[in-house]
Amino acid sequence: MNRFLAGLFWLSLCLILAFITLPLLVVVAASVSPSSTVTFAPGDWTLTWYSAVWTAKWLDPFVLSLKIAVIVSLASGVLGALGAYAVAYEKCPGSDAIMSFLLSPLAVPQIVKGVAIVLFLSSAGFYVFLGTSGLIAAHIVLTLPFAARMIATSIHNFDKNLDRAAQILGASKWQRMWHILFPLIKPGVFSGMTFAFIISFNNIPLSVFLVRPGQTTLPITVINYMEYSLDPVLAAVNVASLIFILATIFLFEKFGGFSAQIHGGSK
């Protein structure tokens, strides 16, 4: 019976991994297609289409998406850390209600949030915020719950006896926060920032309502391109974007211990 359950487990795991990876393999194969149409010819491939990735048509949206994602991840990390500190560490009055408020954007579909933000900016006359500034604000609203929740989890697992020991030894509150609390919750902070970066960089439902001509993010550019053409260039752009995201995750893991937060430990 145990062998049967173990075999069923591994079979299910393999099917799940295949379901996740096979579409990615199809995109990779399409990006090295030898012809301008998407074909699969084993042993006959080319990297020519990747040269188009380095043109202004794709680099400009990439740079804009990167700028927005960096700002959003930093802002979500700072705001999420402040909110999580007040709720999970200081246990301020109404902490449960505050945490529910911080997590409330998760209950609203992104497309609804996009429409609501556009209607608000239009009705209030804040047309100037449509574009990059509006995208940044909307993405912060979207990503803040993830950062706040992950950082709050790290603070909840923090051993306050360490803080009390430092206080007995004469450390100030700032010193205790900087030298004890922050190093121990760093995996949570970096994991929240990583999620914020990825969600912002790849976002479509919110961005589609707030972009302006000449200020189009990479995912929106990909969607617009796909409406009129489906060729290996598009596949190459998506593969390059995937490699960039994986490199970003590795970077955050290197400096902040991303996997430590997932496994509930500390780096």
C-alpha atoms as a PDB file:
ATOM      1  CA  MET A   1       0.000   0.000   0.000  1.00  0.00           C
ATOM      2  CA  ASN A   2       2.805   2.382   0.896  1.00  0.00           C
ATOM      3  CA  ARG A   3       4.580   1.605  -2.374  1.00  0.00           C
ATOM      4  CA  PHE A   4       1.348   2.256  -4.263  1.00  0.00           C
ATOM      5  CA  LEU A   5       0.882   5.643  -2.560  1.00  0.00           C
ATOM      6  CA  ALA A   6       4.527   6.539  -3.175  1.00  0.00           C
ATOM      7  CA  GLY A   7       4.187   5.620  -6.850  1.00  0.00           C
ATOM      8  CA  LEU A   8       0.964   7.632  -7.113  1.00  0.00           C
ATOM      9  CA  PHE A   9       2.697  10.599  -5.510  1.00  0.00           C
ATOM     10  CA  TRP A  10       5.624  10.542  -7.942  1.00  0.00           C
ATOM     11  CA  LEU A  11       3.304  10.043 -10.905  1.00  0.00           C
ATOM     12  CA  SER A  12       1.228  13.052  -9.839  1.00  0.00           C
ATOM     13  CA  LEU A  13       4.378  15.096  -9.309  1.00  0.00           C
ATOM     14  CA  CYS A  14       5.690  14.233 -12.769  1.00  0.00           C
ATOM     15  CA  LEU A  15       2.348  15.101 -14.380  1.00  0.00           C
ATOM     16  CA  ILE A  16       2.267  18.465 -12.577  1.00  0.00           C
ATOM     17  CA  LEU A  17       5.849  19.269 -13.588  1.00  0.00           C
ATOM     18  CA  ALA A  18       5.101  18.283 -17.175  1.00  0.00           C
ATOM     19  CA  PHE A  19       1.994  20.471 -17.182  1.00  0.00           C
ATOM     20  CA  ILE A  20       4.118  23.411 -16.001  1.00  0.00           C
ATOM     21  CA  THR A  21       7.230  22.928 -18.107  1.00  0.00           C
ATOM     22  CA  LEU A  22       5.909  21.648 -21.464  1.00  0.00           C
ATOM     23  CA  PRO A  23       4.379  25.022 -22.483  1.00  0.00           C
ATOM     24  CA  LEU A  24       7.698  26.683 -21.629  1.00  0.00           C
ATOM     25  CA  LEU A  25       9.578  24.141 -23.746  1.00  0.00           C
ATOM     26  CA  VAL A  26       7.236  24.874 -26.656  1.00  0.00           C
ATOM     27  CA  VAL A  27       8.010  28.604 -26.382  1.00  0.00           C
ATOM     28  CA  VAL A  28      11.755  27.905 -26.222  1.00  0.00           C
ATOM     29  CA  ALA A  29      11.524  25.653 -29.295  1.00  0.00           C
ATOM     30  CA  ALA A  30       9.528  28.303 -31.162  1.00  0.00           C
ATOM     31  CA  SER A  31      12.176  30.949 -30.362  1.00  0.00           C
ATOM     32  CA  VAL A  32      14.844  28.980 -32.256  1.00  0.00           C
ATOM     33  CA  SER A  33      12.631  28.151 -35.230  1.00  0.00           C
ATOM     34  CA  PRO A  34      14.653  28.251 -38.488  1.00  0.00           C
ATOM     35  CA  SER A  35      11.838  29.961 -40.429  1.00  0.00           C
ATOM     36  CA  SER A  36       9.760  33.083 -39.835  1.00  0.00           C
ATOM     37  CA  THR A  37       6.787  30.893 -38.988  1.00  0.00           C
ATOM     38  CA  VAL A  38       6.656  28.876 -35.799  1.00  0.00           C
ATOM     39  CA  THR A  39       7.907  25.407 -36.717  1.00  0.00           C
ATOM     40  CA  PHE A  40       9.574  22.579 -34.850  1.00  0.00           C
ATOM     41  CA  ALA A  41      12.520  21.052 -36.653  1.00  0.00           C
ATOM     42  CA  PRO A  42      14.801  18.989 -34.403  1.00  0.00           C
ATOM     43  CA  GLY A  43      18.443  19.535 -35.271  1.00  0.00           C
ATOM     44  CA  ASP A  44      17.687  22.680 -37.286  1.00  0.00           C
ATOM     45  CA  TRP A  45      17.576  25.821 -35.173  1.00  0.00           C
ATOM     46  CA  THR A  46      18.841  29.405 -35.082  1.00  0.00           C
ATOM     47  CA  LEU A  47      19.354  32.220 -32.573  1.00  0.00           C
ATOM     48  CA  THR A  48      18.728  34.922 -35.172  1.00  0.00           C
ATOM     49  CA  TRP A  49      15.405  35.955 -33.669  1.00  0.00           C
ATOM     50  CA  TYR A  50      17.033  36.917 -30.386  1.00  0.00           C
ATOM     51  CA  SER A  51      18.773  39.813 -32.135  1.00  0.00           C
ATOM     52  CA  ALA A  52      15.370  41.504 -32.432  1.00  0.00           C
ATOM     53  CA  VAL A  53      15.092  41.545 -28.645  1.00  0.00           C
ATOM     54  CA  TRP A  54      17.833  44.202 -28.532  1.00  0.00           C
ATOM     55  CA  THR A  55      15.930  46.706 -30.644  1.00  0.00           C
ATOM     56  CA  ALA A  56      14.211  49.803 -29.241  1.00  0.00           C
ATOM     57  CA  LYS A  57      10.811  48.240 -29.951  1.00  0.00           C
ATOM     58  CA  TRP A  58      11.373  45.767 -27.116  1.00  0.00           C
ATOM     59  CA  LEU A  59      14.094  47.423 -25.025  1.00  0.00           C
ATOM     60  CA  ASP A  60      12.106  50.591 -24.286  1.00  0.00           C
ATOM     61  CA  PRO A  61       9.109  48.695 -22.821  1.00  0.00           C
ATOM     62  CA  PHE A  62      11.524  46.425 -20.947  1.00  0.00           C
ATOM     63  CA  VAL A  63      13.329  49.388 -19.356  1.00  0.00           C
ATOM     64  CA  LEU A  64       9.993  50.959 -18.370  1.00  0.00           C
ATOM     65  CA  SER A  65       8.754  47.684 -16.842  1.00  0.00           C
ATOM     66  CA  LEU A  66      12.061  47.309 -15.015  1.00  0.00           C
ATOM     67  CA  LYS A  67      11.925  50.832 -13.568  1.00  0.00           C
ATOM     68  CA  ILE A  68       8.351  50.386 -12.412  1.00  0.00           C
ATOM     69  CA  ALA A  69       9.074  46.954 -10.901  1.00  0.00           C
ATOM     70  CA  VAL A  70      12.135  48.205  -9.004  1.00  0.00           C
ATOM     71  CA  ILE A  71      10.252  51.183  -7.537  1.00  0.00           C
ATOM     72  CA  VAL A  72       7.252  49.016  -6.677  1.00  0.00           C
ATOM     73  CA  SER A  73       9.356  46.324  -4.992  1.00  0.00           C
ATOM     74  CA  LEU A  74      11.224  48.888  -2.879  1.00  0.00           C
ATOM     75  CA  ALA A  75       8.051  50.759  -1.926  1.00  0.00           C
ATOM     76  CA  SER A  76       6.184  47.536  -1.134  1.00  0.00           C
ATOM     77  CA  GLY A  77       9.111  46.313   0.965  1.00  0.00           C
ATOM     78  CA  VAL A  78       9.307  49.529   2.998  1.00  0.00           C
ATOM     79  CA  LEU A  79       5.550  50.011   3.426  1.00  0.00           C
ATOM     80  CA  GLY A  80       4.991  46.312   4.063  1.00  0.00           C
ATOM     81  CA  ALA A  81       7.744  46.271   6.693  1.00  0.00           C
ATOM     82  CA  LEU A  82       6.269  49.299   8.462  1.00  0.00           C
ATOM     83  CA  GLY A  83       2.778  47.861   8.414  1.00  0.00           C
ATOM     84  CA  ALA A  84       3.923  44.408   9.493  1.00  0.00           C
ATOM     85  CA  TYR A  85       6.043  45.881  12.287  1.00  0.00           C
ATOM     86  CA  ALA A  86       3.075  47.811  13.688  1.00  0.00           C
ATOM     87  CA  VAL A  87       0.711  44.866  13.392  1.00  0.00           C
ATOM     88  CA  ALA A  88       2.878  41.831  14.194  1.00  0.00           C
ATOM     89  CA  TYR A  89       5.556  43.276  16.489  1.00  0.00           C
ATOM     90  CA  GLU A  90       4.086  46.251  18.331  1.00  0.00           C
ATOM     91  CA  LYS A  91       0.587  44.735  18.367  1.00  0.00           C
ATOM     92  CA  CYS A  92      -1.016  48.151  17.942  1.00  0.00           C
ATOM     93  CA  PRO A  93      -4.748  48.562  18.756  1.00  0.00           C
ATOM     94  CA  GLY A  94      -6.896  47.044  16.031  1.00  0.00           C
ATOM     95  CA  SER A  95      -3.976  45.087  14.581  1.00  0.00           C
ATOM     96  CA  ASP A  96      -6.266  42.404  13.144  1.00  0.00           C
ATOM     97  CA  ALA A  97      -8.393  45.015  11.403  1.00  0.00           C
ATOM     98  CA  ILE A  98      -5.288  46.748  10.040  1.00  0.00           C
ATOM     99  CA  MET A  99      -3.901  43.492   8.660  1.00  0.00           C
ATOM    100  CA  SER A 100      -7.277  42.722   7.073  1.00  0.00           C
ATOM    101  CA  PHE A 101      -7.196  46.170   5.479  1.00  0.00           C
ATOM    102  CA  LEU A 102      -3.666  45.599   4.162  1.00  0.00           C
ATOM    103  CA  LEU A 103      -4.759  42.283   2.638  1.00  0.00           C
ATOM    104  CA  SER A 104      -8.078  43.589   1.281  1.00  0.00           C
ATOM    105  CA  PRO A 105      -6.786  44.285  -2.281  1.00  0.00           C
ATOM    106  CA  LEU A 106      -6.414  40.510  -2.719  1.00  0.00           C
ATOM    107  CA  ALA A 107     -10.200  40.162  -2.530  1.00  0.00           C
ATOM    108  CA  VAL A 108     -10.772  42.394  -5.575  1.00  0.00           C
ATOM    109  CA  PRO A 109      -9.997  41.121  -9.098  1.00  0.00           C
ATOM    110  CA  GLN A 110      -7.200  43.036 -10.777  1.00  0.00           C
ATOM    111  CA  ILE A 111      -9.344  44.079 -13.720  1.00  0.00           C
ATOM    112  CA  VAL A 112     -11.871  45.593 -11.317  1.00  0.00           C
ATOM    113  CA  LYS A 113      -9.102  47.483  -9.541  1.00  0.00           C
ATOM    114  CA  GLY A 114      -7.850  48.763 -12.893  1.00  0.00           C
ATOM    115  CA  VAL A 115     -11.265  50.082 -13.904  1.00  0.00           C
ATOM    116  CA  ALA A 116     -11.807  51.612 -10.448  1.00  0.00           C
ATOM    117  CA  ILE A 117      -8.447  53.409 -10.505  1.00  0.00           C
ATOM    118  CA  VAL A 118      -9.043  54.800 -13.994  1.00  0.00           C
ATOM    119  CA  LEU A 119     -12.545  55.997 -13.054  1.00  0.00           C
ATOM    120  CA  PHE A 120     -11.217  57.613  -9.874  1.00  0.00           C
ATOM    121  CA  LEU A 121      -8.388  59.437 -11.648  1.00  0.00           C
ATOM    122  CA  SER A 122     -10.733  60.573 -14.416  1.00  0.00           C
ATOM    123  CA  SER A 123     -13.525  61.768 -12.136  1.00  0.00           C
ATOM    124  CA  ALA A 124     -11.044  63.571  -9.844  1.00  0.00           C
ATOM    125  CA  GLY A 125      -9.342  65.264 -12.793  1.00  0.00           C
ATOM    126  CA  PHE A 126      -5.982  63.620 -12.126  1.00  0.00           C
ATOM    127  CA  TYR A 127      -5.302  62.844 -15.772  1.00  0.00           C
ATOM    128  CA  VAL A 128      -1.633  63.630 -15.252  1.00  0.00           C
ATOM    129  CA  PHE A 129      -1.310  60.458 -13.151  1.00  0.00           C
ATOM    130  CA  LEU A 130      -2.408  58.229 -16.021  1.00  0.00           C
ATOM    131  CA  GLY A 131       0.804  56.613 -17.204  1.00  0.00           C
ATOM    132  CA  THR A 132       3.942  55.724 -15.286  1.00  0.00           C
ATOM    133  CA  SER A 133       2.996  57.376 -11.980  1.00  0.00           C
ATOM    134  CA  GLY A 134      -0.440  55.759 -12.032  1.00  0.00           C
ATOM    135  CA  LEU A 135       1.086  52.387 -12.874  1.00  0.00           C
ATOM    136  CA  ILE A 136       3.470  52.631  -9.929  1.00  0.00           C
ATOM    137  CA  ALA A 137       0.684  53.537  -7.496  1.00  0.00           C
ATOM    138  CA  ALA A 138      -1.615  50.803  -8.796  1.00  0.00           C
ATOM    139  CA  HIS A 139       1.118  48.171  -8.673  1.00  0.00           C
ATOM    140  CA  ILE A 140       1.970  49.129  -5.090  1.00  0.00           C
ATOM    141  CA  VAL A 141      -1.669  48.606  -4.129  1.00  0.00           C
ATOM    142  CA  LEU A 142      -1.545  45.221  -5.848  1.00  0.00           C
ATOM    143  CA  THR A 143       1.753  43.996  -4.363  1.00  0.00           C
ATOM    144  CA  LEU A 144       1.619  45.474  -0.858  1.00  0.00           C
ATOM    145  CA  PRO A 145      -0.521  42.626   0.573  1.00  0.00           C
ATOM    146  CA  PHE A 146       2.064  40.030  -0.462  1.00  0.00           C
ATOM    147  CA  ALA A 147       4.952  41.939   1.084  1.00  0.00           C
ATOM    148  CA  ALA A 148       3.069  42.785   4.284  1.00  0.00           C
ATOM    149  CA  ARG A 149       1.919  39.210   4.823  1.00  0.00           C
ATOM    150  CA  MET A 150       5.346  37.655   4.271  1.00  0.00           C
ATOM    151  CA  ILE A 151       7.120  40.183   6.494  1.00  0.00           C
ATOM    152  CA  ALA A 152       4.455  39.788   9.188  1.00  0.00           C
ATOM    153  CA  THR A 153       5.034  36.033   9.118  1.00  0.00           C
ATOM    154  CA  SER A 154       8.767  36.559   9.644  1.00  0.00           C
ATOM    155  CA  ILE A 155       8.130  38.952  12.537  1.00  0.00           C
ATOM    156  CA  HIS A 156       5.658  36.509  14.078  1.00  0.00           C
ATOM    157  CA  ASN A 157       8.393  33.841  14.078  1.00  0.00           C
ATOM    158  CA  PHE A 158      10.929  36.248  15.548  1.00  0.00           C
ATOM    159  CA  ASP A 159      12.188  35.289  19.030  1.00  0.00           C
ATOM    160  CA  LYS A 160      11.514  38.321  21.212  1.00  0.00           C
ATOM    161  CA  ASN A 161      13.847  36.998  23.885  1.00  0.00           C
ATOM    162  CA  LEU A 162      16.695  38.212  21.676  1.00  0.00           C
ATOM    163  CA  ASP A 163      15.217  41.685  21.717  1.00  0.00           C
ATOM    164  CA  ARG A 164      14.793  41.587  25.494  1.00  0.00           C
ATOM    165  CA  ALA A 165      18.401  40.460  25.935  1.00  0.00           C
ATOM    166  CA  ALA A 166      19.646  43.349  23.805  1.00  0.00           C
ATOM    167  CA  GLN A 167      17.450  45.755  25.750  1.00  0.00           C
ATOM    168  CA  ILE A 168      18.897  44.512  29.055  1.00  0.00           C
ATOM    169  CA  LEU A 169      22.395  45.058  27.651  1.00  0.00           C
ATOM    170  CA  GLY A 170      21.541  48.692  26.946  1.00  0.00           C
ATOM    171  CA  ALA A 171      20.791  48.667  23.221  1.00  0.00           C
ATOM    172  CA  SER A 172      18.433  51.385  22.019  1.00  0.00           C
ATOM    173  CA  LYS A 173      15.248  50.583  20.145  1.00  0.00           C
ATOM    174  CA  TRP A 174      16.816  51.597  16.839  1.00  0.00           C
ATOM    175  CA  GLN A 175      19.878  49.470  17.501  1.00  0.00           C
ATOM    176  CA  ARG A 176      17.711  46.472  18.344  1.00  0.00           C
ATOM    177  CA  MET A 177      15.680  46.920  15.170  1.00  0.00           C
ATOM    178  CA  TRP A 178      18.706  47.353  12.909  1.00  0.00           C
ATOM    179  CA  HIS A 179      21.082  44.761  14.376  1.00  0.00           C
ATOM    180  CA  ILE A 180      18.652  42.083  15.610  1.00  0.00           C
ATOM    181  CA  LEU A 181      15.164  42.338  14.147  1.00  0.00           C
ATOM    182  CA  PHE A 182      15.963  43.234  10.550  1.00  0.00           C
ATOM    183  CA  PRO A 183      18.705  40.605   9.967  1.00  0.00           C
ATOM    184  CA  LEU A 184      16.386  37.877  11.256  1.00  0.00           C
ATOM    185  CA  ILE A 185      13.358  38.952   9.187  1.00  0.00           C
ATOM    186  CA  LYS A 186      15.437  39.737   6.083  1.00  0.00           C
ATOM    187  CA  PRO A 187      14.257  36.575   4.262  1.00  0.00           C
ATOM    188  CA  GLY A 188      10.661  37.719   4.666  1.00  0.00           C
ATOM    189  CA  VAL A 189      11.466  41.225   3.452  1.00  0.00           C
ATOM    190  CA  PHE A 190      13.320  39.998   0.388  1.00  0.00           C
ATOM    191  CA  SER A 191      10.713  37.365  -0.438  1.00  0.00           C
ATOM    192  CA  GLY A 192       7.991  40.014  -0.285  1.00  0.00           C
ATOM    193  CA  MET A 193      10.041  42.322  -2.494  1.00  0.00           C
ATOM    194  CA  THR A 194      10.684  39.475  -4.928  1.00  0.00           C
ATOM    195  CA  PHE A 195       7.001  38.718  -5.281  1.00  0.00           C
ATOM    196  CA  ALA A 196       6.277  42.437  -5.691  1.00  0.00           C
ATOM    197  CA  PHE A 197       8.905  42.721  -8.428  1.00  0.00           C
ATOM    198  CA  ILE A 198       7.668  39.702 -10.385  1.00  0.00           C
ATOM    199  CA  ILE A 199       3.994  40.638 -10.097  1.00  0.00           C
ATOM    200  CA  SER A 200       4.680  44.220 -11.166  1.00  0.00           C
ATOM    201  CA  PHE A 201       6.989  43.283 -14.036  1.00  0.00           C
ATOM    202  CA  ASN A 202       4.530  40.758 -15.514  1.00  0.00           C
ATOM    203  CA  ASN A 203       1.284  42.574 -14.745  1.00  0.00           C
ATOM    204  CA  ILE A 204      -1.325  42.949 -17.476  1.00  0.00           C
ATOM    205  CA  PRO A 205      -4.850  43.427 -15.971  1.00  0.00           C
ATOM    206  CA  LEU A 206      -3.932  46.658 -14.161  1.00  0.00           C
ATOM    207  CA  SER A 207      -1.401  47.979 -16.649  1.00  0.00           C
ATOM    208  CA  VAL A 208      -3.691  47.713 -19.661  1.00  0.00           C
ATOM    209  CA  PHE A 209      -5.906  50.485 -18.219  1.00  0.00           C
ATOM    210  CA  LEU A 210      -3.144  52.862 -17.176  1.00  0.00           C
ATOM    211  CA  VAL A 211      -0.493  52.802 -19.924  1.00  0.00           C
ATOM    212  CA  ARG A 212      -0.112  55.740 -22.277  1.00  0.00           C
ATOM    213  CA  PRO A 213       1.122  55.797 -25.872  1.00  0.00           C
ATOM    214  CA  GLY A 214       4.889  55.800 -25.668  1.00  0.00           C
ATOM    215  CA  GLN A 215       4.761  54.502 -22.085  1.00  0.00           C
ATOM    216  CA  THR A 216       3.861  50.866 -22.699  1.00  0.00           C
ATOM    217  CA  THR A 217       5.189  48.107 -20.470  1.00  0.00           C
ATOM    218  CA  LEU A 218       6.700  44.924 -21.872  1.00  0.00           C
ATOM    219  CA  PRO A 219       3.702  42.607 -21.156  1.00  0.00           C
ATOM    220  CA  ILE A 220       1.314  45.053 -22.855  1.00  0.00           C
ATOM    221  CA  THR A 221       3.686  45.347 -25.828  1.00  0.00           C
ATOM    222  CA  VAL A 222       3.736  41.557 -26.102  1.00  0.00           C
ATOM    223  CA  ILE A 223      -0.072  41.391 -26.026  1.00  0.00           C
ATOM    224  CA  ASN A 224      -0.401  44.122 -28.672  1.00  0.00           C
ATOM    225  CA  TYR A 225       2.181  42.409 -30.884  1.00  0.00           C
ATOM    226  CA  MET A 226       0.432  39.053 -30.571  1.00  0.00           C
ATOM    227  CA  GLU A 227      -2.818  40.541 -31.900  1.00  0.00           C
ATOM    228  CA  TYR A 228      -1.267  41.027 -35.333  1.00  0.00           C
ATOM    229  CA  SER A 229       1.593  38.535 -35.514  1.00  0.00           C
ATOM    230  CA  LEU A 230       2.701  35.238 -34.018  1.00  0.00           C
ATOM    231  CA  ASP A 231       6.314  34.579 -34.934  1.00  0.00           C
ATOM    232  CA  PRO A 232       9.595  33.409 -33.359  1.00  0.00           C
ATOM    233  CA  VAL A 233      10.481  37.003 -32.362  1.00  0.00           C
ATOM    234  CA  LEU A 234       7.625  36.993 -29.878  1.00  0.00           C
ATOM    235  CA  ALA A 235       8.801  33.651 -28.499  1.00  0.00           C
ATOM    236  CA  ALA A 236      12.358  34.983 -28.195  1.00  0.00           C
ATOM    237  CA  VAL A 237      11.130  38.020 -26.251  1.00  0.00           C
ATOM    238  CA  ASN A 238       9.218  35.784 -23.843  1.00  0.00           C
ATOM    239  CA  VAL A 239      12.198  33.466 -23.343  1.00  0.00           C
ATOM    240  CA  ALA A 240      14.480  36.449 -22.671  1.00  0.00           C
ATOM    241  CA  SER A 241      11.929  37.809 -20.199  1.00  0.00           C
ATOM    242  CA  LEU A 242      11.746  34.423 -18.453  1.00  0.00           C
ATOM    243  CA  ILE A 243      15.537  34.255 -18.155  1.00  0.00           C
ATOM    244  CA  PHE A 244      15.566  37.759 -16.692  1.00  0.00           C
ATOM    245  CA  ILE A 245      12.923  36.841 -14.098  1.00  0.00           C
ATOM    246  CA  LEU A 246      14.827  33.700 -13.098  1.00  0.00           C
ATOM    247  CA  ALA A 247      18.030  35.741 -12.755  1.00  0.00           C
ATOM    248  CA  THR A 248      16.171  38.234 -10.565  1.00  0.00           C
ATOM    249  CA  ILE A 249      14.872  35.459  -8.310  1.00  0.00           C
ATOM    250  CA  PHE A 250      18.396  34.070  -8.008  1.00  0.00           C
ATOM    251  CA  LEU A 251      19.716  37.535  -7.117  1.00  0.00           C
ATOM    252  CA  PHE A 252      17.122  38.046  -4.390  1.00  0.00           C
ATOM    253  CA  GLU A 253      17.824  34.561  -3.069  1.00  0.00           C
ATOM    254  CA  LYS A 254      21.553  35.278  -3.026  1.00  0.00           C
ATOM    255  CA  PHE A 255      21.226  38.440  -0.951  1.00  0.00           C
ATOM    256  CA  GLY A 256      18.083  37.836   1.058  1.00  0.00           C
ATOM    257  CA  GLY A 257      17.445  34.127   1.420  1.00  0.00           C
ATOM    258  CA  PHE A 258      14.246  33.808  -0.600  1.00  0.00           C
ATOM    259  CA  SER A 259      13.870  30.052  -0.079  1.00  0.00           C
ATOM    260  CA  ALA A 260      14.413  30.388   3.684  1.00  0.00           C
ATOM    261  CA  GLN A 261      11.124  32.256   4.001  1.00  0.00           C
ATOM    262  CA  ILE A 262       9.292  29.637   1.967  1.00  0.00           C
ATOM    263  CA  HIS A 263      10.559  26.813   4.146  1.00  0.00           C
ATOM    264  CA  GLY A 264       9.812  28.763   7.320  1.00  0.00           C
ATOM    265  CA  GLY A 265      13.409  29.165   8.448  1.00  0.00           C
ATOM    266  CA  SER A 266      16.059  31.826   8.419  1.00  0.00           C
ATOM    267  CA  LYS A 267      19.114  32.114   6.297  1.00  0.00           C
END
